Amino acid sequence: MWRTRFKLPIGIATALMLAMTSMTMAVARGQARVAGEVVLCTGYGVTTVSVDAEGNPTGPAHICSDMVLAMMAAVTLAPALPTPPQGEGRSVETVEPETAQAQAVVVPRARGPPVTV
């Protein structure tokens, strides 16, 4: 009974929330680029703040979507590998350990099966 009563209001609320959030994302993506952006990693997520040429914030901060920064990282070039150090090589002598002596004859030490009681 309660499902049929709340089906229409829940559907309308979901449609309105989807429409409002999609407009917000469209506005955020369509913003004109200013002098730069500062990406702040906080305990609540990643926040991007637009700044002007002097470094002053120009507008309200908006929260970046998850995994957007990972997609930008896939486009960047890989960092250059470090070069090995150039130096003078020297050889180091190793001392071989003395070998162990084996026994001349191995004495068998087997025993018989246990006695049944």
Protein backbone atom coordinates (compact mmCIF):
# COMPACT_ATOMS: atom_id res chain seq x y z
CA MET A 1 0.00 0.00 0.00
CA TRP A 2 2.73 2.47 0.95
CA ARG A 3 4.62 1.69 -2.28
CA THR A 4 1.80 2.90 -4.47
CA ARG A 5 1.25 6.00 -2.36
CA PHE A 6 4.90 7.14 -2.44
CA LYS A 7 5.79 6.00 -5.96
CA LEU A 8 4.79 9.29 -7.66
CA PRO A 9 6.41 11.69 -5.12
CA ILE A 10 9.65 9.68 -5.07
CA GLY A 11 9.74 9.66 -8.88
CA ILE A 12 9.18 13.42 -9.07
CA ALA A 13 11.82 14.11 -6.39
CA THR A 14 14.34 11.89 -8.20
CA ALA A 15 13.68 13.59 -11.54
CA LEU A 16 14.02 17.07 -10.00
CA MET A 17 17.27 16.15 -8.24
CA LEU A 18 18.70 14.71 -11.46
CA ALA A 19 17.73 17.83 -13.40
CA MET A 20 19.22 20.17 -10.79
CA THR A 21 22.51 18.31 -10.45
CA SER A 22 22.98 17.92 -14.21
CA MET A 23 22.53 21.69 -14.66
CA THR A 24 25.10 22.34 -11.93
CA MET A 25 27.61 20.05 -13.63
CA ALA A 26 26.95 21.68 -17.01
CA VAL A 27 27.61 25.12 -15.51
CA ALA A 28 30.79 23.89 -13.79
CA ARG A 29 32.15 22.39 -17.01
CA GLY A 30 31.27 25.43 -19.08
CA GLN A 31 33.05 27.94 -16.86
CA ALA A 32 35.60 30.12 -18.61
CA ARG A 33 39.17 29.42 -17.62
CA VAL A 34 40.85 32.13 -15.63
CA ALA A 35 44.55 32.59 -14.90
CA GLY A 36 44.81 29.28 -13.09
CA GLU A 37 43.37 26.78 -10.71
CA VAL A 38 44.53 25.50 -7.37
CA VAL A 39 43.62 21.93 -6.51
CA LEU A 40 43.20 21.38 -2.77
CA CYS A 41 43.20 17.86 -1.38
CA THR A 42 41.28 17.96 1.89
CA GLY A 43 39.88 15.31 4.17
CA TYR A 44 36.51 15.75 2.44
CA GLY A 45 37.73 15.30 -1.15
CA VAL A 46 39.40 17.21 -3.96
CA THR A 47 38.41 20.88 -4.31
CA THR A 48 39.40 23.16 -7.20
CA VAL A 49 39.61 26.93 -6.64
CA SER A 50 39.94 29.32 -9.61
CA VAL A 51 42.49 32.10 -9.09
CA ASP A 52 43.39 35.25 -11.06
CA ALA A 53 46.87 36.42 -12.12
CA GLU A 54 47.69 37.66 -8.58
CA GLY A 55 46.62 34.38 -6.99
CA ASN A 56 43.37 35.69 -5.49
CA PRO A 57 40.30 33.41 -5.65
CA THR A 58 37.87 34.56 -8.35
CA GLY A 59 34.77 32.60 -7.48
CA PRO A 60 33.30 29.94 -5.26
CA ALA A 61 35.08 26.61 -5.10
CA HIS A 62 33.48 23.61 -6.73
CA ILE A 63 34.19 20.00 -5.93
CA CYS A 64 35.76 17.92 -8.69
CA SER A 65 34.15 14.63 -9.65
CA ASP A 66 35.85 11.45 -8.56
CA MET A 67 38.47 9.98 -10.89
CA VAL A 68 38.72 13.11 -13.10
CA LEU A 69 42.29 13.72 -11.95
CA ALA A 70 43.20 10.12 -12.75
CA MET A 71 42.09 10.64 -16.36
CA MET A 72 44.27 13.74 -16.61
CA ALA A 73 47.22 11.77 -15.20
CA ALA A 74 46.85 9.23 -18.02
CA VAL A 75 47.43 11.98 -20.59
CA THR A 76 50.62 13.41 -19.07
CA LEU A 77 54.03 12.21 -20.17
CA ALA A 78 55.95 9.75 -18.07
CA PRO A 79 58.75 11.28 -15.98
CA ALA A 80 62.31 10.83 -17.20
CA LEU A 81 64.15 7.90 -15.69
CA PRO A 82 67.17 8.70 -13.53
CA THR A 83 70.55 8.11 -15.12
CA PRO A 84 72.95 5.72 -13.43
CA PRO A 85 75.75 7.42 -11.52
CA GLN A 86 78.97 7.88 -13.44
CA GLY A 87 81.94 6.81 -11.38
CA GLU A 88 85.14 4.82 -11.25
CA GLY A 89 84.61 1.08 -11.12
CA ARG A 90 86.79 -1.22 -9.00
CA SER A 91 86.88 -4.95 -8.70
CA VAL A 92 86.47 -6.57 -5.33
CA GLU A 93 88.16 -9.87 -4.50
CA THR A 94 86.03 -12.51 -2.90
CA VAL A 95 87.36 -15.14 -0.54
CA GLU A 96 86.08 -18.64 -1.20
CA PRO A 97 85.08 -20.51 1.98
CA GLU A 98 86.74 -23.85 2.68
CA THR A 99 84.75 -26.84 1.57
CA ALA A 100 83.39 -29.24 4.16
CA GLN A 101 84.69 -32.81 4.38
CA ALA A 102 82.19 -35.62 3.82
CA GLN A 103 82.07 -38.84 5.86
CA ALA A 104 83.85 -41.76 4.30
CA VAL A 105 81.10 -44.35 4.95
CA VAL A 106 77.51 -43.80 5.95
CA VAL A 107 76.35 -46.32 8.56
CA PRO A 108 72.72 -47.45 8.15
CA ARG A 109 70.63 -46.93 11.26
CA ALA A 110 67.31 -48.48 10.37
CA ARG A 111 65.15 -50.32 12.91
CA GLY A 112 62.60 -53.02 12.53
CA PRO A 113 58.83 -52.63 12.59
CA PRO A 114 57.15 -52.14 15.96
CA VAL A 115 56.18 -55.22 17.93
CA THR A 116 52.47 -56.04 18.02
CA VAL A 117 51.02 -56.46 21.47
